[in-house]
Amino acid sequence: MTAALTVFFVALIVLGSLPVAAGVYQFLLIPLHAFRNHYRAAAPYLPRVAVVVPAWNEGAVVGASIDRLMLLEYPSDCLRIYVVDDASTDNTAEVVLDRAARYPGKVFHLRRAKGGEGKAHTLNFGIREILQQDWMQALLIMDADVIYRPNSLRRMTAHLADPAVGAVTAYIREGSMDPNYLTRFIAFEYTAAQAASRRAQNVLGALACLAGGAQLHSRENLIAIGGAIDTSTLAEDTISTIETQLRGRKVVFEPHAEVLAEEPGSIDALWKQRLRWARGNVQVTRRYSNLWFRPWRHRQLGGFSFGLFWFTTLLLPLLMIGASVGLLGLYVVDSSLADTLFHKTWALATGSYVLQTLMTAQLDPRTGRRSWREALMFPGVISLVIMVTAFAPVLMRQTVPDLLHVRPTTTVQHIITLCVYGWLSLSMLAAWLVKRAEKANIGPALTSLLVYLVGYGPLLCAITFDAYIKEMRGAAQVWDKTEKTGRVMA
């Protein structure tokens, strides 16, 4: 019985280490992007692009976005902007109509009489109108608040010169001119999740998701995936990405096409946004259950590497809980083996953290300089201390008790060990408590201190765990729009 329990607990610890190993593997693919990319098949190509912009109460930001689109390094006669007004109750209509008067024949205001059905329905209202005309050769889906760098669109369209490419996406950067601690965390996260991870996906030849604010589709691809955006899930951009590839067309990430976006400045707003994304990923996973790890169905999407990256991200909270259970259970059954595996797994986590942090900062030095504190504190101060204990066990046995001003008795050491072994799970609970603390109006300074202490990574894992619960309960699919204030306009 003891041997069986030992094997079980060790297996949980090994599974809990998979996301760390997968992260290292993914980042080791990134240098290959210098050799394995789509640039050889790209060429100067300037198709007629229709830009569809879903907008609900976006009066504060949509005007600047339109102005910047009209300043793109792109032929003006090859660009039309369609703003789909989702029955806004603010001055969105007035702002768009003002821009339509400034740019006659370039900007169009389409208004839905009934709104509130979500982004996908709003997009489809505009796409139906655009497809009725023969003018459009490529469709750009964007958000009302994003700002495109002047050369970004032509960098994206260059990939459509290859008829094998169905869609292209850009690098979304957090672009607030007055960032707070949370938006700096998001900026670094976006660099890791896009500039880094999507380069690795380019190498694999399978992209997980077109960025919601920067999706460029060829007309042929749009028609091939049904001439509309999926409305049955909360992950319409991921569905479009997968459907494009399942129908034999490539999806390409263009890292040098930069798009600036305003991101949530509070934990509550971030939670709502990421809960929608995480629930969408759960829905996508169920929808394509016959695809995962089946390369004979689709060589890239069904391959081992893509499936590994997808599931170690989606199941990260469960794997963290499993690792905690494994360490705590093994501590009861065989404490010396538990100690050995604890130090080995956290040493691996430390190496992965150093590798990913350095490579991410190097890929976008500007964000690295702006968010260096957040890059260092991404796992949280407590996790960093635990990482150090993997190399200096005396910290847990002597230094921590000294800091707490308690005698390092056997009981105290047991309690500290149990807390450290269970931290992967406790960190998610702590992140949820930080969210509750923010709602209790403890003040931005104390809230930020708690996030630095607990970590931004555990916060994202707690949100994903909440998504599991919401999906199991069948909670309503509410499109919680992130409030935008125009902080990117400067």
Protein backbone atom coordinates (compact mmCIF):
# COMPACT_ATOMS: atom_id res chain seq x y z
CA MET A 1 0.00 0.00 0.00
CA THR A 2 2.79 2.40 0.91
CA ALA A 3 4.61 1.68 -2.34
CA ALA A 4 1.45 2.33 -4.36
CA LEU A 5 0.87 5.64 -2.57
CA THR A 6 4.46 6.64 -3.16
CA VAL A 7 4.15 5.98 -6.89
CA PHE A 8 0.86 7.91 -6.98
CA PHE A 9 2.24 10.95 -5.20
CA VAL A 10 5.43 10.95 -7.29
CA ALA A 11 3.27 10.81 -10.44
CA LEU A 12 1.33 13.89 -9.27
CA ILE A 13 4.59 15.77 -8.70
CA VAL A 14 5.92 14.79 -12.13
CA LEU A 15 2.68 15.88 -13.80
CA GLY A 16 2.87 19.15 -11.88
CA SER A 17 6.30 19.73 -13.38
CA LEU A 18 5.02 19.35 -16.96
CA PRO A 19 4.09 23.05 -17.38
CA VAL A 20 7.60 24.04 -16.34
CA ALA A 21 9.20 21.60 -18.78
CA ALA A 22 6.77 22.68 -21.52
CA GLY A 23 7.68 26.32 -20.91
CA VAL A 24 11.38 25.56 -21.30
CA TYR A 25 10.70 23.56 -24.47
CA GLN A 26 8.58 26.34 -25.95
CA PHE A 27 11.18 29.02 -25.27
CA LEU A 28 13.95 26.87 -26.73
CA LEU A 29 11.98 26.88 -30.00
CA ILE A 30 12.06 30.67 -30.24
CA PRO A 31 15.61 31.03 -31.66
CA LEU A 32 14.52 28.72 -34.49
CA HIS A 33 12.15 31.46 -35.63
CA ALA A 34 15.15 33.12 -37.25
CA PHE A 35 15.25 30.20 -39.69
CA ARG A 36 11.74 28.75 -39.67
CA ASN A 37 9.31 31.55 -40.49
CA HIS A 38 7.03 32.76 -43.26
CA TYR A 39 9.10 35.72 -44.47
CA ARG A 40 10.45 33.88 -47.51
CA ALA A 41 6.92 33.57 -48.90
CA ALA A 42 5.88 37.11 -47.92
CA ALA A 43 6.05 39.97 -50.42
CA PRO A 44 4.81 43.55 -50.77
CA TYR A 45 1.05 43.19 -51.18
CA LEU A 46 -1.57 45.90 -50.66
CA PRO A 47 -5.06 44.42 -51.02
CA ARG A 48 -8.23 46.41 -50.46
CA VAL A 49 -8.79 46.11 -46.71
CA ALA A 50 -12.12 46.59 -44.97
CA VAL A 51 -11.66 47.25 -41.25
CA VAL A 52 -14.58 46.21 -39.05
CA VAL A 53 -14.68 47.77 -35.59
CA PRO A 54 -17.27 46.57 -33.03
CA ALA A 55 -18.20 49.42 -30.70
CA TRP A 56 -20.46 49.72 -27.69
CA ASN A 57 -20.10 52.98 -25.77
CA GLU A 58 -16.61 53.59 -27.17
CA GLY A 59 -16.94 57.34 -27.69
CA ALA A 60 -13.85 58.01 -25.57
CA VAL A 61 -11.54 55.93 -27.75
CA VAL A 62 -12.95 55.15 -31.19
CA GLY A 63 -12.23 58.57 -32.69
CA ALA A 64 -8.50 58.35 -32.01
CA SER A 65 -8.39 54.80 -33.35
CA ILE A 66 -9.99 55.91 -36.62
CA ASP A 67 -7.63 58.88 -36.92
CA ARG A 68 -4.59 56.64 -36.48
CA LEU A 69 -5.94 54.16 -39.05
CA MET A 70 -6.17 56.96 -41.58
CA LEU A 71 -2.50 57.75 -40.90
CA LEU A 72 -1.33 54.22 -41.67
CA GLU A 73 1.40 53.76 -44.27
CA TYR A 74 -1.15 52.21 -46.58
CA PRO A 75 -2.82 53.45 -49.78
CA SER A 76 -5.86 55.47 -48.72
CA ASP A 77 -7.93 54.17 -51.62
CA CYS A 78 -7.35 50.61 -50.35
CA LEU A 79 -8.72 51.18 -46.86
CA ARG A 80 -12.28 51.47 -45.59
CA ILE A 81 -13.40 51.52 -41.96
CA TYR A 82 -16.77 50.15 -40.86
CA VAL A 83 -17.68 50.92 -37.23
CA VAL A 84 -20.52 48.68 -36.05
CA ASP A 85 -22.31 50.61 -33.33
CA ASP A 86 -23.90 48.06 -30.99
CA ALA A 87 -26.79 50.34 -29.94
CA SER A 88 -24.44 52.57 -27.93
CA THR A 89 -25.96 54.94 -25.39
CA ASP A 90 -23.03 57.38 -25.27
CA ASN A 91 -21.63 59.64 -28.02
CA THR A 92 -20.15 56.81 -30.10
CA ALA A 93 -22.46 57.55 -33.04
CA GLU A 94 -21.60 61.25 -33.02
CA VAL A 95 -17.87 60.56 -32.92
CA VAL A 96 -18.02 58.07 -35.80
CA LEU A 97 -20.29 60.29 -37.92
CA ASP A 98 -17.86 63.16 -37.34
CA ARG A 99 -15.03 60.99 -38.67
CA ALA A 100 -17.20 59.88 -41.60
CA ALA A 101 -17.59 63.56 -42.53
CA ARG A 102 -13.84 64.16 -42.18
CA TYR A 103 -12.95 61.11 -44.27
CA PRO A 104 -15.74 60.83 -46.88
CA GLY A 105 -15.98 57.42 -48.51
CA LYS A 106 -13.48 55.99 -46.00
CA VAL A 107 -15.42 55.71 -42.72
CA PHE A 108 -18.88 54.18 -42.38
CA HIS A 109 -21.22 54.01 -39.40
CA LEU A 110 -23.37 50.88 -39.12
CA ARG A 111 -25.79 50.85 -36.21
CA ARG A 112 -27.56 47.87 -34.72
CA ALA A 113 -31.02 48.61 -33.41
CA LYS A 114 -30.68 45.93 -30.74
CA GLY A 115 -27.37 45.50 -28.93
CA GLY A 116 -25.97 43.56 -26.03
CA GLU A 117 -25.59 40.19 -27.75
CA GLY A 118 -21.79 40.20 -27.63
CA LYS A 119 -18.83 41.01 -29.83
CA ALA A 120 -19.31 38.16 -32.32
CA HIS A 121 -22.88 39.17 -33.18
CA THR A 122 -21.76 42.77 -33.59
CA LEU A 123 -18.93 41.74 -35.91
CA ASN A 124 -21.22 39.59 -38.03
CA PHE A 125 -23.58 42.51 -38.55
CA GLY A 126 -20.72 44.41 -40.20
CA ILE A 127 -19.23 41.41 -42.02
CA ARG A 128 -22.57 40.66 -43.73
CA GLU A 129 -22.68 44.23 -45.01
CA ILE A 130 -19.07 44.11 -46.22
CA LEU A 131 -19.41 40.74 -47.98
CA GLN A 132 -22.41 41.97 -49.94
CA GLN A 133 -19.99 44.20 -51.82
CA ASP A 134 -17.16 42.97 -54.05
CA TRP A 135 -14.74 45.69 -52.94
CA MET A 136 -13.09 43.95 -49.96
CA GLN A 137 -10.10 41.65 -50.58
CA ALA A 138 -9.06 41.33 -46.94
CA LEU A 139 -10.87 41.94 -43.68
CA LEU A 140 -9.23 43.38 -40.56
CA ILE A 141 -11.06 42.78 -37.28
CA MET A 142 -9.95 45.15 -34.52
CA ASP A 143 -11.14 46.61 -31.22
CA ALA A 144 -12.36 50.16 -30.90
CA ASP A 145 -9.60 51.25 -28.54
CA VAL A 146 -6.46 49.87 -30.21
CA ILE A 147 -3.86 51.99 -31.98
CA TYR A 148 -1.98 50.51 -34.96
CA ARG A 149 1.62 51.51 -35.56
CA PRO A 150 1.97 53.21 -38.99
CA ASN A 151 3.64 50.25 -40.73
CA SER A 152 1.70 47.49 -38.95
CA LEU A 153 -1.00 46.80 -41.55
CA ARG A 154 1.36 46.51 -44.53
CA ARG A 155 3.57 44.19 -42.50
CA MET A 156 0.52 41.98 -41.98
CA THR A 157 -0.79 42.08 -45.55
CA ALA A 158 2.64 41.05 -46.87
CA HIS A 159 1.93 37.53 -45.61
CA LEU A 160 -1.34 37.38 -47.58
CA ALA A 161 0.75 37.56 -50.76
CA ASP A 162 1.06 33.82 -50.17
CA PRO A 163 -2.33 32.31 -51.10
CA ALA A 164 -1.66 29.50 -48.64
CA VAL A 165 -2.06 31.99 -45.77
CA GLY A 166 -5.61 32.55 -44.59
CA ALA A 167 -5.08 34.88 -41.63
CA VAL A 168 -2.43 37.01 -39.95
CA THR A 169 -2.25 38.47 -36.47
CA ALA A 170 -0.12 41.16 -34.86
CA TYR A 171 1.68 41.75 -31.58
CA ILE A 172 -0.69 43.41 -29.11
CA ARG A 173 1.27 45.58 -26.68
CA GLU A 174 -0.09 47.20 -23.53
CA GLY A 175 0.11 50.84 -24.51
CA SER A 176 -1.04 52.97 -21.57
CA MET A 177 0.93 56.17 -21.20
CA ASP A 178 0.25 56.17 -17.43
CA PRO A 179 0.71 52.49 -16.49
CA ASN A 180 0.03 51.22 -12.99
CA TYR A 181 1.49 48.09 -11.42
CA LEU A 182 -1.17 45.83 -12.99
CA THR A 183 -0.86 47.11 -16.54
CA ARG A 184 2.92 46.70 -16.26
CA PHE A 185 2.35 43.06 -15.29
CA ILE A 186 0.04 42.69 -18.29
CA ALA A 187 2.63 44.30 -20.56
CA PHE A 188 5.23 41.72 -19.56
CA GLU A 189 2.69 38.90 -19.80
CA TYR A 190 1.77 39.95 -23.35
CA THR A 191 5.42 39.92 -24.34
CA ALA A 192 5.78 36.36 -23.04
CA ALA A 193 2.45 35.14 -24.41
CA GLN A 194 2.72 36.81 -27.82
CA ALA A 195 6.18 38.03 -28.83
CA ALA A 196 7.68 34.86 -27.36
CA SER A 197 5.12 32.04 -27.42
CA ARG A 198 3.63 32.89 -30.81
CA ARG A 199 7.07 32.88 -32.37
CA ALA A 200 7.38 29.31 -31.10
CA GLN A 201 3.97 28.53 -32.59
CA ASN A 202 5.14 29.95 -35.92
CA VAL A 203 8.02 27.48 -35.74
CA LEU A 204 5.58 24.63 -35.10
CA GLY A 205 3.31 25.80 -37.92
CA ALA A 206 0.22 25.90 -35.72
CA LEU A 207 -1.14 29.05 -34.08
CA ALA A 208 -3.46 28.85 -31.08
CA CYS A 209 -5.25 32.18 -31.40
CA LEU A 210 -5.49 35.28 -33.53
CA ALA A 211 -5.37 38.33 -31.27
CA GLY A 212 -8.92 39.64 -30.89
CA GLY A 213 -7.87 43.19 -31.72
CA ALA A 214 -5.74 42.32 -34.74
CA GLN A 215 -7.18 39.65 -37.04
CA LEU A 216 -6.51 39.98 -40.74
CA HIS A 217 -8.36 37.47 -42.96
CA SER A 218 -8.22 37.06 -46.69
CA ARG A 219 -11.64 37.24 -48.33
CA GLU A 220 -11.30 33.62 -49.46
CA ASN A 221 -10.52 32.46 -45.94
CA LEU A 222 -13.40 34.41 -44.42
CA ILE A 223 -15.82 32.78 -46.83
CA ALA A 224 -14.24 29.35 -46.27
CA ILE A 225 -14.85 29.50 -42.50
CA GLY A 226 -18.48 30.37 -43.07
CA GLY A 227 -18.48 34.09 -43.83
CA ALA A 228 -19.15 34.85 -40.17
CA ILE A 229 -17.61 34.74 -36.71
CA ASP A 230 -18.60 31.97 -34.31
CA THR A 231 -21.26 33.05 -31.80
CA SER A 232 -21.63 29.83 -29.79
CA THR A 233 -18.59 30.33 -27.53
CA LEU A 234 -16.71 33.05 -25.69
CA ALA A 235 -13.63 32.39 -27.84
CA GLU A 236 -14.67 33.48 -31.31
CA ASP A 237 -11.10 34.47 -32.22
CA THR A 238 -9.72 31.03 -31.27
CA ILE A 239 -12.47 29.28 -33.22
CA SER A 240 -11.64 31.33 -36.33
CA THR A 241 -7.96 30.48 -35.89
CA ILE A 242 -8.50 26.74 -35.61
CA GLU A 243 -11.11 26.59 -38.37
CA THR A 244 -8.76 28.42 -40.73
CA GLN A 245 -6.02 25.85 -40.15
CA LEU A 246 -8.37 22.86 -40.28
CA ARG A 247 -9.40 24.02 -43.76
CA GLY A 248 -5.81 23.91 -44.94
CA ARG A 249 -4.75 27.55 -44.72
CA LYS A 250 -1.89 28.88 -42.61
CA VAL A 251 -2.20 31.36 -39.78
CA VAL A 252 0.84 33.59 -39.23
CA PHE A 253 1.95 35.75 -36.31
CA GLU A 254 3.76 38.92 -37.42
CA PRO A 255 5.82 40.07 -34.41
CA HIS A 256 6.90 43.36 -36.00
CA ALA A 257 3.34 44.59 -36.55
CA GLU A 258 2.64 46.35 -33.26
CA VAL A 259 -0.79 47.30 -31.99
CA LEU A 260 -1.17 49.29 -28.77
CA ALA A 261 -4.10 48.51 -26.48
CA GLU A 262 -5.49 49.74 -23.19
CA GLU A 263 -5.71 46.94 -20.63
CA PRO A 264 -7.52 46.59 -17.28
CA GLY A 265 -6.12 48.67 -14.45
CA SER A 266 -7.84 46.79 -11.62
CA ILE A 267 -7.95 43.16 -10.52
CA ASP A 268 -11.74 43.08 -10.78
CA ALA A 269 -11.66 44.25 -14.43
CA LEU A 270 -8.82 41.85 -15.24
CA TRP A 271 -10.73 38.98 -13.61
CA LYS A 272 -13.80 39.62 -15.77
CA GLN A 273 -11.74 39.83 -18.97
CA ARG A 274 -9.63 36.74 -18.32
CA LEU A 275 -12.56 34.73 -16.99
CA ARG A 276 -14.20 35.20 -20.39
CA TRP A 277 -11.01 34.13 -22.16
CA ALA A 278 -10.46 31.10 -19.91
CA ARG A 279 -14.06 29.92 -20.25
CA GLY A 280 -13.71 30.27 -24.00
CA ASN A 281 -10.63 28.05 -23.97
CA VAL A 282 -12.49 25.39 -21.99
CA GLN A 283 -15.28 25.51 -24.57
CA VAL A 284 -12.80 25.26 -27.45
CA THR A 285 -11.13 22.25 -25.82
CA ARG A 286 -14.46 20.42 -25.64
CA ARG A 287 -15.48 21.44 -29.13
CA TYR A 288 -12.32 20.02 -30.72
CA SER A 289 -11.99 16.95 -28.51
CA ASN A 290 -11.37 14.78 -31.60
CA LEU A 291 -8.37 16.87 -32.61
CA TRP A 292 -5.97 16.84 -29.67
CA PHE A 293 -2.93 14.56 -30.00
CA ARG A 294 -4.19 13.17 -33.30
CA PRO A 295 -1.61 14.23 -35.91
CA TRP A 296 -3.30 12.06 -38.51
CA ARG A 297 -6.30 14.44 -38.37
CA HIS A 298 -4.17 17.58 -38.61
CA ARG A 299 -0.40 17.30 -38.52
CA GLN A 300 0.34 20.58 -36.71
CA LEU A 301 -2.75 21.22 -34.59
CA GLY A 302 -3.04 17.56 -33.66
CA GLY A 303 0.65 17.19 -32.92
CA PHE A 304 2.19 16.42 -29.55
CA SER A 305 3.94 19.78 -29.11
CA PHE A 306 0.87 21.92 -29.78
CA GLY A 307 -1.28 19.74 -27.53
CA LEU A 308 1.35 19.88 -24.79
CA PHE A 309 1.44 23.69 -24.86
CA TRP A 310 -2.36 23.95 -24.97
CA PHE A 311 -3.13 21.59 -22.10
CA THR A 312 -0.28 22.59 -19.77
CA THR A 313 -1.68 26.13 -19.98
CA LEU A 314 -5.35 25.17 -19.72
CA LEU A 315 -4.86 22.65 -16.90
CA LEU A 316 -2.17 24.58 -15.01
CA PRO A 317 -4.31 25.18 -11.88
CA LEU A 318 -5.21 21.49 -11.63
CA LEU A 319 -1.60 20.45 -12.16
CA MET A 320 -0.51 22.88 -9.44
CA ILE A 321 -3.04 21.43 -7.02
CA GLY A 322 -1.93 17.93 -7.97
CA ALA A 323 1.71 18.81 -7.31
CA SER A 324 0.81 20.19 -3.88
CA VAL A 325 -1.16 17.06 -3.03
CA GLY A 326 1.75 14.94 -4.25
CA LEU A 327 4.34 16.75 -2.13
CA LEU A 328 2.15 16.81 0.98
CA GLY A 329 1.15 13.17 0.59
CA LEU A 330 4.72 12.07 -0.06
CA TYR A 331 5.84 14.04 3.00
CA VAL A 332 3.65 11.77 5.12
CA VAL A 333 4.71 8.57 3.34
CA ASP A 334 8.41 9.29 2.70
CA SER A 335 9.60 12.69 3.90
CA SER A 336 13.16 12.31 2.57
CA LEU A 337 11.92 11.53 -0.96
CA ALA A 338 9.48 14.43 -0.70
CA ASP A 339 12.37 16.73 0.26
CA THR A 340 14.45 15.51 -2.69
CA LEU A 341 11.64 15.97 -5.24
CA PHE A 342 10.72 19.36 -3.78
CA HIS A 343 14.24 20.67 -4.32
CA LYS A 344 14.53 19.18 -7.80
CA THR A 345 11.17 20.47 -9.06
CA TRP A 346 11.68 23.95 -7.64
CA ALA A 347 15.21 24.04 -9.05
CA LEU A 348 13.69 23.25 -12.46
CA ALA A 349 11.11 26.00 -11.91
CA THR A 350 13.90 28.43 -11.04
CA GLY A 351 15.82 27.63 -14.20
CA SER A 352 12.66 28.01 -16.30
CA TYR A 353 11.85 31.33 -14.61
CA VAL A 354 15.32 32.74 -15.32
CA LEU A 355 15.32 31.53 -18.94
CA GLN A 356 11.84 32.82 -19.76
CA THR A 357 12.30 36.15 -17.99
CA LEU A 358 15.58 36.94 -19.74
CA MET A 359 14.36 35.84 -23.19
CA THR A 360 11.07 37.72 -22.83
CA ALA A 361 12.82 40.94 -21.82
CA GLN A 362 15.23 40.58 -24.74
CA LEU A 363 12.40 40.18 -27.29
CA ASP A 364 10.85 43.50 -26.28
CA PRO A 365 13.50 45.61 -24.50
CA ARG A 366 11.18 48.60 -24.17
CA THR A 367 8.63 46.58 -22.20
CA GLY A 368 11.47 44.88 -20.32
CA ARG A 369 12.75 48.27 -19.12
CA ARG A 370 9.26 49.52 -18.33
CA SER A 371 8.18 46.38 -16.44
CA TRP A 372 11.42 45.07 -14.98
CA ARG A 373 10.02 44.95 -11.43
CA GLU A 374 6.96 43.05 -12.65
CA ALA A 375 9.16 40.69 -14.67
CA LEU A 376 11.13 39.82 -11.54
CA MET A 377 8.03 39.58 -9.34
CA PHE A 378 5.84 37.69 -11.82
CA PRO A 379 5.76 34.50 -9.66
CA GLY A 380 5.49 36.56 -6.46
CA VAL A 381 7.92 37.26 -3.62
CA ILE A 382 6.83 34.16 -1.70
CA SER A 383 7.50 31.90 -4.68
CA LEU A 384 10.89 33.55 -5.19
CA VAL A 385 11.80 32.81 -1.58
CA ILE A 386 10.75 29.19 -2.09
CA MET A 387 12.91 29.03 -5.21
CA VAL A 388 15.89 30.13 -3.15
CA THR A 389 15.17 27.41 -0.58
CA ALA A 390 15.57 24.84 -3.36
CA PHE A 391 19.27 25.77 -3.40
CA ALA A 392 19.64 26.73 0.27
CA PRO A 393 17.57 24.39 2.49
CA VAL A 394 18.88 26.11 5.61
CA LEU A 395 16.53 29.00 4.83
CA MET A 396 13.47 26.89 5.48
CA ARG A 397 14.96 25.11 8.48
CA GLN A 398 16.60 28.03 10.26
CA THR A 399 16.31 31.45 8.57
CA VAL A 400 12.50 31.55 8.15
CA PRO A 401 11.86 30.58 11.79
CA ASP A 402 14.34 33.25 12.84
CA LEU A 403 12.55 35.87 10.76
CA LEU A 404 9.26 34.83 12.34
CA HIS A 405 10.90 34.96 15.78
CA VAL A 406 9.96 31.38 16.60
CA ARG A 407 12.13 28.55 17.85
CA PRO A 408 12.99 26.09 15.04
CA THR A 409 11.36 23.18 16.81
CA THR A 410 10.22 20.08 15.00
CA THR A 411 6.61 21.27 15.07
CA VAL A 412 7.51 24.67 13.62
CA GLN A 413 9.56 23.03 10.88
CA HIS A 414 6.65 20.72 10.05
CA ILE A 415 4.27 23.67 9.73
CA ILE A 416 6.67 25.66 7.55
CA THR A 417 7.34 22.61 5.37
CA LEU A 418 3.62 21.94 4.91
CA CYS A 419 2.99 25.58 3.92
CA VAL A 420 5.89 25.57 1.46
CA TYR A 421 4.90 22.23 -0.08
CA GLY A 422 1.32 23.40 -0.44
CA TRP A 423 2.13 26.90 -1.72
CA LEU A 424 1.30 26.10 -5.35
CA SER A 425 -2.32 25.62 -4.28
CA LEU A 426 -2.34 28.18 -1.48
CA SER A 427 -1.09 30.86 -3.89
CA MET A 428 -4.32 30.65 -5.90
CA LEU A 429 -6.40 30.99 -2.75
CA ALA A 430 -4.23 33.93 -1.73
CA ALA A 431 -4.77 35.55 -5.15
CA TRP A 432 -8.53 35.22 -4.74
CA LEU A 433 -8.25 36.85 -1.31
CA VAL A 434 -6.31 39.74 -2.89
CA LYS A 435 -9.20 40.23 -5.32
CA ARG A 436 -11.60 40.34 -2.37
CA ALA A 437 -9.31 42.77 -0.58
CA GLU A 438 -9.33 45.12 -3.58
CA LYS A 439 -13.13 45.12 -3.60
CA ALA A 440 -13.01 46.02 0.10
CA ASN A 441 -11.20 49.24 -0.91
CA ILE A 442 -7.98 48.65 1.00
CA GLY A 443 -6.24 51.14 -1.28
CA PRO A 444 -4.13 50.77 -4.44
CA ALA A 445 -0.80 50.80 -2.57
CA LEU A 446 -1.71 47.86 -0.33
CA THR A 447 -3.39 45.98 -3.20
CA SER A 448 -0.28 46.26 -5.36
CA LEU A 449 1.91 45.15 -2.44
CA LEU A 450 -0.24 42.03 -2.00
CA VAL A 451 -0.05 41.21 -5.71
CA TYR A 452 3.75 41.52 -5.66
CA LEU A 453 3.78 39.25 -2.62
CA VAL A 454 1.41 36.57 -4.00
CA GLY A 455 2.35 36.92 -7.67
CA TYR A 456 0.64 37.80 -10.94
CA GLY A 457 1.00 34.22 -12.24
CA PRO A 458 -1.05 32.74 -9.36
CA LEU A 459 -3.67 35.43 -10.02
CA LEU A 460 -4.08 34.20 -13.60
CA CYS A 461 -4.27 30.59 -12.37
CA ALA A 462 -6.98 31.51 -9.87
CA ILE A 463 -9.01 33.06 -12.69
CA THR A 464 -8.65 29.90 -14.77
CA PHE A 465 -9.80 27.81 -11.82
CA ASP A 466 -12.83 30.09 -11.50
CA ALA A 467 -13.50 29.43 -15.20
CA TYR A 468 -13.63 25.68 -14.50
CA ILE A 469 -16.26 26.30 -11.83
CA LYS A 470 -18.33 28.63 -14.01
CA GLU A 471 -18.31 26.13 -16.88
CA MET A 472 -19.26 23.20 -14.63
CA ARG A 473 -22.14 25.24 -13.19
CA GLY A 474 -23.25 26.29 -16.66
CA ALA A 475 -23.10 29.96 -15.71
CA ALA A 476 -24.47 32.48 -18.20
CA GLN A 477 -22.05 33.53 -20.95
CA VAL A 478 -21.93 37.23 -20.17
CA TRP A 479 -19.76 39.47 -22.35
CA ASP A 480 -18.18 41.71 -19.69
CA LYS A 481 -16.75 44.57 -21.70
CA THR A 482 -13.57 46.10 -20.33
CA GLU A 483 -14.12 49.78 -19.61
CA LYS A 484 -11.81 51.95 -21.73
CA THR A 485 -10.81 55.52 -20.94
CA GLY A 486 -8.54 56.44 -23.84
CA ARG A 487 -5.24 56.19 -21.99
CA VAL A 488 -3.53 55.07 -25.20
CA MET A 489 -4.56 58.16 -27.15
CA ALA A 490 -1.52 60.13 -26.05
